[in-house]
Amino acid sequence: MLKSVAAIIFVASSVSALAQTTPEGLWRNVDDKTGEAKAEIRIRDIGGGVLHGALEKRLAKDAKPDEVCNECSDDRKGKPILGLEIIRGAKKADGKDVWEGGKILDPENGRNYTLRMTPIEGGKKLEVRGSIGPFGRTQTWVRIQ
């Protein structure tokens, strides 16, 4: 009996640890220029291991609650920034703790960038890289949930 309880605890803790090493969850990003918290983004598996993420909460002091993505050039044009899907189509790379192949949208300029997400520090942080060709930038997001 004691062995089976220990086994259940071990499996439960293993599953919990595994869940933390994925990009799924709620993340906070910061402004590259000011270092202030900018937004919270929720990343979800929409099925088949494909991850999408939406801007769940705006934290910037100058954020307007009714602002829309005027710069977007696809189906997100004119949509409210709050709730906007900014991550689309990321999949786990074979044999790696890296999610790529998707796109990330910068709602401030309407550009879509090639996406690469890598959980670091045991899943407490997420390196998010958006690039066009060899040019890009990497942000480190902090896990909230």
N, C-alpha and C. Protein backbone atom coordinates (compact mmCIF):
# COMPACT_ATOMS: atom_id res chain seq x y z
N MET A 1 0.83 -1.20 0.00
CA MET A 1 0.00 0.00 0.00
C MET A 1 0.87 1.26 0.00
N LEU A 2 1.87 1.29 0.87
CA LEU A 2 2.75 2.45 0.97
C LEU A 2 3.52 2.66 -0.33
N LYS A 3 3.93 1.55 -0.98
CA LYS A 3 4.65 1.65 -2.25
C LYS A 3 3.76 2.24 -3.34
N SER A 4 2.50 1.84 -3.38
CA SER A 4 1.62 2.36 -4.41
C SER A 4 1.30 3.84 -4.19
N VAL A 5 1.20 4.29 -2.93
CA VAL A 5 1.00 5.71 -2.65
C VAL A 5 2.22 6.49 -3.09
N ALA A 6 3.41 5.97 -2.79
CA ALA A 6 4.65 6.63 -3.20
C ALA A 6 4.75 6.71 -4.72
N ALA A 7 4.34 5.64 -5.39
CA ALA A 7 4.37 5.62 -6.86
C ALA A 7 3.42 6.66 -7.44
N ILE A 8 2.23 6.79 -6.86
CA ILE A 8 1.26 7.78 -7.33
C ILE A 8 1.80 9.18 -7.13
N ILE A 9 2.41 9.45 -5.98
CA ILE A 9 2.99 10.77 -5.73
C ILE A 9 4.11 11.06 -6.72
N PHE A 10 4.95 10.06 -6.99
CA PHE A 10 6.05 10.24 -7.94
C PHE A 10 5.52 10.56 -9.33
N VAL A 11 4.52 9.81 -9.78
CA VAL A 11 3.95 10.03 -11.12
C VAL A 11 3.31 11.41 -11.19
N ALA A 12 2.55 11.79 -10.15
CA ALA A 12 1.90 13.09 -10.14
C ALA A 12 2.92 14.21 -10.18
N SER A 13 3.99 14.09 -9.42
CA SER A 13 5.01 15.15 -9.44
C SER A 13 5.75 15.16 -10.76
N SER A 14 5.94 14.01 -11.39
CA SER A 14 6.60 13.97 -12.70
C SER A 14 5.75 14.65 -13.75
N VAL A 15 4.45 14.40 -13.73
CA VAL A 15 3.54 15.03 -14.69
C VAL A 15 3.53 16.54 -14.47
N SER A 16 3.51 16.97 -13.21
CA SER A 16 3.52 18.40 -12.90
C SER A 16 4.80 19.05 -13.41
N ALA A 17 5.93 18.41 -13.19
CA ALA A 17 7.21 18.95 -13.66
C ALA A 17 7.25 18.99 -15.18
N LEU A 18 6.72 17.96 -15.83
CA LEU A 18 6.69 17.92 -17.29
C LEU A 18 5.84 19.06 -17.84
N ALA A 19 4.70 19.31 -17.20
CA ALA A 19 3.81 20.36 -17.68
C ALA A 19 4.47 21.72 -17.61
N GLN A 20 5.39 21.91 -16.68
CA GLN A 20 6.04 23.19 -16.51
C GLN A 20 7.13 23.44 -17.56
N THR A 21 7.54 22.41 -18.28
CA THR A 21 8.60 22.61 -19.28
C THR A 21 8.02 22.82 -20.68
N THR A 22 6.76 23.19 -20.74
CA THR A 22 6.16 23.53 -22.03
C THR A 22 5.80 25.01 -22.01
N PRO A 23 5.58 25.59 -23.17
CA PRO A 23 5.16 26.99 -23.21
C PRO A 23 3.70 27.20 -22.79
N GLU A 24 2.95 26.12 -22.60
CA GLU A 24 1.55 26.28 -22.22
C GLU A 24 1.46 26.95 -20.86
N GLY A 25 0.58 27.94 -20.75
CA GLY A 25 0.38 28.63 -19.49
C GLY A 25 0.22 30.13 -19.70
N LEU A 26 0.30 30.86 -18.59
CA LEU A 26 0.16 32.31 -18.62
C LEU A 26 1.52 32.94 -18.38
N TRP A 27 1.89 33.88 -19.26
CA TRP A 27 3.23 34.49 -19.25
C TRP A 27 3.12 36.00 -19.19
N ARG A 28 4.10 36.63 -18.57
CA ARG A 28 4.19 38.09 -18.54
C ARG A 28 5.41 38.50 -19.35
N ASN A 29 5.21 39.44 -20.26
CA ASN A 29 6.36 39.99 -21.00
C ASN A 29 6.60 41.42 -20.55
N VAL A 30 7.79 41.92 -20.88
CA VAL A 30 8.16 43.27 -20.47
C VAL A 30 8.55 44.09 -21.70
N ASP A 31 8.40 45.38 -21.59
CA ASP A 31 8.76 46.30 -22.65
C ASP A 31 10.28 46.29 -22.81
N ASP A 32 10.75 46.12 -24.05
CA ASP A 32 12.19 46.07 -24.32
C ASP A 32 12.89 47.37 -23.94
N LYS A 33 12.19 48.48 -24.07
CA LYS A 33 12.82 49.78 -23.83
C LYS A 33 12.76 50.20 -22.36
N THR A 34 11.61 50.01 -21.71
CA THR A 34 11.44 50.52 -20.34
C THR A 34 11.68 49.46 -19.27
N GLY A 35 11.57 48.18 -19.63
CA GLY A 35 11.71 47.11 -18.65
C GLY A 35 10.47 46.91 -17.80
N GLU A 36 9.39 47.64 -18.09
CA GLU A 36 8.15 47.51 -17.34
C GLU A 36 7.28 46.40 -17.91
N ALA A 37 6.50 45.78 -17.01
CA ALA A 37 5.56 44.74 -17.44
C ALA A 37 4.62 45.33 -18.48
N LYS A 38 4.43 44.59 -19.56
CA LYS A 38 3.66 45.11 -20.68
C LYS A 38 2.33 44.37 -20.87
N ALA A 39 2.39 43.03 -20.77
CA ALA A 39 1.18 42.26 -21.06
C ALA A 39 1.29 40.86 -20.47
N GLU A 40 0.14 40.21 -20.40
CA GLU A 40 0.09 38.79 -20.05
C GLU A 40 -0.48 38.05 -21.25
N ILE A 41 0.19 36.96 -21.60
CA ILE A 41 -0.18 36.17 -22.77
C ILE A 41 -0.45 34.74 -22.33
N ARG A 42 -1.61 34.21 -22.70
CA ARG A 42 -1.93 32.81 -22.39
C ARG A 42 -1.68 31.97 -23.63
N ILE A 43 -0.85 30.93 -23.44
CA ILE A 43 -0.53 30.00 -24.52
C ILE A 43 -1.23 28.69 -24.25
N ARG A 44 -1.94 28.18 -25.27
CA ARG A 44 -2.73 26.95 -25.15
C ARG A 44 -2.45 26.02 -26.32
N ASP A 45 -2.63 24.74 -26.04
CA ASP A 45 -2.60 23.72 -27.09
C ASP A 45 -3.99 23.67 -27.69
N ILE A 46 -4.11 23.95 -28.98
CA ILE A 46 -5.43 23.95 -29.63
C ILE A 46 -5.75 22.60 -30.24
N GLY A 47 -4.86 21.62 -30.02
CA GLY A 47 -5.06 20.27 -30.53
C GLY A 47 -3.89 19.84 -31.39
N GLY A 48 -3.54 18.58 -31.26
CA GLY A 48 -2.46 18.03 -32.06
C GLY A 48 -1.09 18.60 -31.73
N GLY A 49 -0.93 19.17 -30.53
CA GLY A 49 0.35 19.74 -30.14
C GLY A 49 0.65 21.11 -30.74
N VAL A 50 -0.36 21.73 -31.34
CA VAL A 50 -0.19 23.06 -31.94
C VAL A 50 -0.55 24.11 -30.90
N LEU A 51 0.37 25.05 -30.68
CA LEU A 51 0.17 26.08 -29.67
C LEU A 51 -0.22 27.41 -30.30
N HIS A 52 -1.17 28.06 -29.65
CA HIS A 52 -1.59 29.41 -30.00
C HIS A 52 -1.58 30.22 -28.72
N GLY A 53 -1.40 31.52 -28.83
CA GLY A 53 -1.38 32.38 -27.65
C GLY A 53 -2.11 33.68 -27.89
N ALA A 54 -2.84 34.13 -26.87
CA ALA A 54 -3.60 35.37 -26.98
C ALA A 54 -3.22 36.33 -25.86
N LEU A 55 -3.30 37.60 -26.19
CA LEU A 55 -3.02 38.65 -25.22
C LEU A 55 -4.20 38.73 -24.26
N GLU A 56 -3.98 38.31 -23.02
CA GLU A 56 -5.06 38.19 -22.05
C GLU A 56 -5.24 39.44 -21.19
N LYS A 57 -4.14 40.14 -20.94
CA LYS A 57 -4.21 41.32 -20.08
C LYS A 57 -3.13 42.31 -20.48
N ARG A 58 -3.51 43.57 -20.57
CA ARG A 58 -2.55 44.63 -20.90
C ARG A 58 -2.15 45.32 -19.61
N LEU A 59 -0.86 45.49 -19.40
CA LEU A 59 -0.35 46.06 -18.17
C LEU A 59 0.33 47.42 -18.35
N ALA A 60 0.63 47.77 -19.57
CA ALA A 60 1.33 49.04 -19.84
C ALA A 60 0.46 50.21 -19.39
N LYS A 61 1.10 51.22 -18.82
CA LYS A 61 0.40 52.40 -18.32
C LYS A 61 -0.36 53.13 -19.42
N ASP A 62 0.19 53.13 -20.62
CA ASP A 62 -0.43 53.87 -21.72
C ASP A 62 -1.39 53.01 -22.56
N ALA A 63 -1.68 51.78 -22.11
CA ALA A 63 -2.57 50.89 -22.87
C ALA A 63 -4.00 51.42 -22.83
N LYS A 64 -4.61 51.46 -24.00
CA LYS A 64 -6.00 51.89 -24.11
C LYS A 64 -6.87 50.64 -24.16
N PRO A 65 -7.89 50.56 -23.31
CA PRO A 65 -8.69 49.32 -23.22
C PRO A 65 -9.43 48.96 -24.51
N ASP A 66 -9.75 49.95 -25.33
CA ASP A 66 -10.52 49.68 -26.54
C ASP A 66 -9.67 49.74 -27.82
N GLU A 67 -8.35 49.73 -27.66
CA GLU A 67 -7.46 49.83 -28.82
C GLU A 67 -7.59 48.60 -29.72
N VAL A 68 -7.51 48.85 -31.02
CA VAL A 68 -7.58 47.77 -32.01
C VAL A 68 -6.28 47.69 -32.79
N CYS A 69 -6.09 46.58 -33.47
CA CYS A 69 -4.87 46.37 -34.25
C CYS A 69 -5.06 46.97 -35.65
N ASN A 70 -4.80 48.25 -35.74
CA ASN A 70 -4.92 48.95 -37.03
C ASN A 70 -3.82 48.57 -37.99
N GLU A 71 -2.66 48.18 -37.46
CA GLU A 71 -1.51 47.86 -38.30
C GLU A 71 -1.54 46.42 -38.84
N CYS A 72 -2.40 45.58 -38.29
CA CYS A 72 -2.47 44.19 -38.76
C CYS A 72 -2.93 44.16 -40.21
N SER A 73 -2.41 43.20 -40.97
CA SER A 73 -2.76 43.13 -42.39
C SER A 73 -3.54 41.85 -42.72
N ASP A 74 -3.83 41.03 -41.69
CA ASP A 74 -4.56 39.79 -41.95
C ASP A 74 -5.93 39.84 -41.28
N ASP A 75 -6.48 38.69 -40.92
CA ASP A 75 -7.82 38.63 -40.33
C ASP A 75 -7.91 39.32 -38.98
N ARG A 76 -6.79 39.74 -38.41
CA ARG A 76 -6.80 40.42 -37.10
C ARG A 76 -6.91 41.94 -37.23
N LYS A 77 -6.90 42.45 -38.45
CA LYS A 77 -7.01 43.90 -38.67
C LYS A 77 -8.32 44.42 -38.09
N GLY A 78 -8.20 45.47 -37.26
CA GLY A 78 -9.38 46.08 -36.66
C GLY A 78 -9.91 45.35 -35.43
N LYS A 79 -9.28 44.24 -35.06
CA LYS A 79 -9.73 43.48 -33.88
C LYS A 79 -9.12 44.10 -32.62
N PRO A 80 -9.84 43.99 -31.49
CA PRO A 80 -9.30 44.52 -30.24
C PRO A 80 -7.98 43.84 -29.88
N ILE A 81 -7.02 44.64 -29.39
CA ILE A 81 -5.73 44.08 -29.00
C ILE A 81 -5.91 43.16 -27.79
N LEU A 82 -6.77 43.56 -26.86
CA LEU A 82 -7.06 42.69 -25.73
C LEU A 82 -7.81 41.46 -26.25
N GLY A 83 -7.24 40.30 -26.03
CA GLY A 83 -7.82 39.06 -26.54
C GLY A 83 -7.26 38.63 -27.88
N LEU A 84 -6.42 39.47 -28.50
CA LEU A 84 -5.88 39.20 -29.83
C LEU A 84 -4.94 37.99 -29.81
N GLU A 85 -5.12 37.13 -30.78
CA GLU A 85 -4.24 35.97 -30.93
C GLU A 85 -2.93 36.45 -31.55
N ILE A 86 -1.85 36.41 -30.77
CA ILE A 86 -0.57 36.90 -31.27
C ILE A 86 0.39 35.76 -31.60
N ILE A 87 0.09 34.55 -31.13
CA ILE A 87 0.93 33.38 -31.43
C ILE A 87 0.06 32.37 -32.16
N ARG A 88 0.57 31.88 -33.30
CA ARG A 88 -0.16 30.89 -34.08
C ARG A 88 0.78 29.80 -34.58
N GLY A 89 0.33 28.55 -34.44
CA GLY A 89 0.94 27.43 -35.15
C GLY A 89 2.27 26.90 -34.67
N ALA A 90 2.66 27.15 -33.42
CA ALA A 90 3.95 26.64 -32.94
C ALA A 90 3.82 25.15 -32.59
N LYS A 91 4.83 24.37 -32.98
CA LYS A 91 4.86 22.93 -32.69
C LYS A 91 6.21 22.57 -32.08
N LYS A 92 6.20 21.54 -31.28
CA LYS A 92 7.44 21.09 -30.65
C LYS A 92 8.36 20.48 -31.69
N ALA A 93 9.63 20.89 -31.66
CA ALA A 93 10.64 20.34 -32.56
C ALA A 93 10.97 18.92 -32.11
N ASP A 94 11.25 18.04 -33.05
CA ASP A 94 11.56 16.65 -32.73
C ASP A 94 12.71 16.54 -31.76
N GLY A 95 12.45 15.88 -30.63
CA GLY A 95 13.49 15.57 -29.66
C GLY A 95 14.07 16.75 -28.91
N LYS A 96 13.42 17.91 -28.99
CA LYS A 96 13.95 19.10 -28.32
C LYS A 96 12.84 19.77 -27.50
N ASP A 97 13.23 20.52 -26.49
CA ASP A 97 12.27 21.34 -25.75
C ASP A 97 12.22 22.72 -26.38
N VAL A 98 11.89 22.75 -27.67
CA VAL A 98 11.80 23.98 -28.45
C VAL A 98 10.52 23.89 -29.28
N TRP A 99 9.78 24.98 -29.32
CA TRP A 99 8.57 25.05 -30.14
C TRP A 99 8.82 26.07 -31.22
N GLU A 100 8.56 25.67 -32.47
CA GLU A 100 8.84 26.55 -33.60
C GLU A 100 7.87 26.26 -34.73
N GLY A 101 8.09 26.91 -35.85
CA GLY A 101 7.24 26.68 -37.01
C GLY A 101 6.00 27.56 -37.04
N GLY A 102 5.80 28.33 -35.99
CA GLY A 102 4.65 29.21 -35.94
C GLY A 102 5.05 30.65 -36.21
N LYS A 103 4.11 31.53 -35.95
CA LYS A 103 4.33 32.97 -36.14
C LYS A 103 3.92 33.71 -34.87
N ILE A 104 4.58 34.85 -34.65
CA ILE A 104 4.20 35.74 -33.56
C ILE A 104 3.96 37.12 -34.15
N LEU A 105 2.89 37.74 -33.73
CA LEU A 105 2.48 39.05 -34.22
C LEU A 105 2.90 40.13 -33.22
N ASP A 106 3.47 41.20 -33.72
CA ASP A 106 3.70 42.39 -32.92
C ASP A 106 2.54 43.33 -33.24
N PRO A 107 1.56 43.46 -32.34
CA PRO A 107 0.38 44.28 -32.65
C PRO A 107 0.69 45.77 -32.79
N GLU A 108 1.86 46.20 -32.33
CA GLU A 108 2.21 47.61 -32.46
C GLU A 108 2.57 47.99 -33.90
N ASN A 109 3.14 47.02 -34.64
CA ASN A 109 3.49 47.35 -36.03
C ASN A 109 2.79 46.44 -37.05
N GLY A 110 2.05 45.45 -36.57
CA GLY A 110 1.28 44.58 -37.45
C GLY A 110 2.11 43.52 -38.16
N ARG A 111 3.39 43.40 -37.82
CA ARG A 111 4.25 42.42 -38.50
C ARG A 111 4.18 41.06 -37.83
N ASN A 112 4.23 40.02 -38.69
CA ASN A 112 4.33 38.64 -38.24
C ASN A 112 5.77 38.18 -38.37
N TYR A 113 6.26 37.55 -37.32
CA TYR A 113 7.64 37.07 -37.29
C TYR A 113 7.65 35.56 -37.12
N THR A 114 8.68 34.91 -37.65
CA THR A 114 8.88 33.49 -37.42
C THR A 114 9.15 33.31 -35.93
N LEU A 115 8.54 32.30 -35.34
CA LEU A 115 8.54 32.13 -33.89
C LEU A 115 9.38 30.93 -33.46
N ARG A 116 10.07 31.14 -32.34
CA ARG A 116 10.79 30.05 -31.67
C ARG A 116 10.65 30.28 -30.17
N MET A 117 10.13 29.29 -29.44
CA MET A 117 9.95 29.40 -28.00
C MET A 117 10.72 28.29 -27.30
N THR A 118 11.47 28.67 -26.28
CA THR A 118 12.28 27.71 -25.53
C THR A 118 12.09 27.93 -24.03
N PRO A 119 11.47 26.97 -23.34
CA PRO A 119 11.37 27.09 -21.87
C PRO A 119 12.77 26.99 -21.26
N ILE A 120 13.05 27.86 -20.27
CA ILE A 120 14.34 27.84 -19.57
C ILE A 120 14.07 27.87 -18.06
N GLU A 121 15.11 27.62 -17.32
CA GLU A 121 15.04 27.62 -15.85
C GLU A 121 13.91 26.72 -15.36
N GLY A 122 13.85 25.50 -15.91
CA GLY A 122 12.85 24.54 -15.49
C GLY A 122 11.43 24.93 -15.84
N GLY A 123 11.27 25.79 -16.84
CA GLY A 123 9.94 26.21 -17.28
C GLY A 123 9.44 27.45 -16.57
N LYS A 124 10.25 28.07 -15.73
CA LYS A 124 9.84 29.29 -15.04
C LYS A 124 9.89 30.50 -15.97
N LYS A 125 10.71 30.40 -17.01
CA LYS A 125 10.84 31.47 -17.99
C LYS A 125 10.75 30.89 -19.39
N LEU A 126 10.45 31.75 -20.35
CA LEU A 126 10.29 31.32 -21.73
C LEU A 126 11.04 32.31 -22.62
N GLU A 127 12.01 31.80 -23.37
CA GLU A 127 12.68 32.63 -24.37
C GLU A 127 11.81 32.62 -25.62
N VAL A 128 11.39 33.79 -26.04
CA VAL A 128 10.52 33.95 -27.20
C VAL A 128 11.30 34.75 -28.24
N ARG A 129 11.57 34.11 -29.38
CA ARG A 129 12.32 34.78 -30.44
C ARG A 129 11.43 34.96 -31.66
N GLY A 130 11.36 36.19 -32.10
CA GLY A 130 10.67 36.51 -33.34
C GLY A 130 11.71 36.98 -34.34
N SER A 131 11.66 36.45 -35.55
CA SER A 131 12.67 36.82 -36.53
C SER A 131 12.11 36.86 -37.95
N ILE A 132 12.80 37.64 -38.75
CA ILE A 132 12.58 37.67 -40.20
C ILE A 132 13.96 37.43 -40.80
N GLY A 133 14.14 36.27 -41.41
CA GLY A 133 15.46 35.90 -41.91
C GLY A 133 16.43 35.83 -40.75
N PRO A 134 17.63 36.37 -40.92
CA PRO A 134 18.62 36.30 -39.84
C PRO A 134 18.41 37.36 -38.76
N PHE A 135 17.47 38.27 -38.98
CA PHE A 135 17.26 39.38 -38.05
C PHE A 135 16.10 39.09 -37.12
N GLY A 136 16.27 39.44 -35.86
CA GLY A 136 15.18 39.24 -34.91
C GLY A 136 15.57 39.69 -33.53
N ARG A 137 14.70 39.41 -32.60
CA ARG A 137 14.98 39.73 -31.21
C ARG A 137 14.39 38.64 -30.32
N THR A 138 14.96 38.52 -29.15
CA THR A 138 14.52 37.53 -28.18
C THR A 138 14.08 38.25 -26.91
N GLN A 139 12.91 37.87 -26.41
CA GLN A 139 12.43 38.36 -25.13
C GLN A 139 12.38 37.18 -24.17
N THR A 140 12.53 37.46 -22.89
CA THR A 140 12.36 36.44 -21.87
C THR A 140 11.08 36.76 -21.12
N TRP A 141 10.12 35.85 -21.22
CA TRP A 141 8.84 36.00 -20.54
C TRP A 141 8.89 35.21 -19.23
N VAL A 142 8.13 35.64 -18.24
CA VAL A 142 8.11 35.00 -16.93
C VAL A 142 6.75 34.32 -16.73
N ARG A 143 6.82 33.06 -16.26
CA ARG A 143 5.58 32.29 -16.05
C ARG A 143 4.81 32.86 -14.86
N ILE A 144 3.51 33.05 -15.06
CA ILE A 144 2.61 33.43 -13.99
C ILE A 144 1.86 32.20 -13.50
N GLN A 145 1.42 31.37 -14.45
CA GLN A 145 0.72 30.11 -14.15
C GLN A 145 1.32 29.01 -14.98
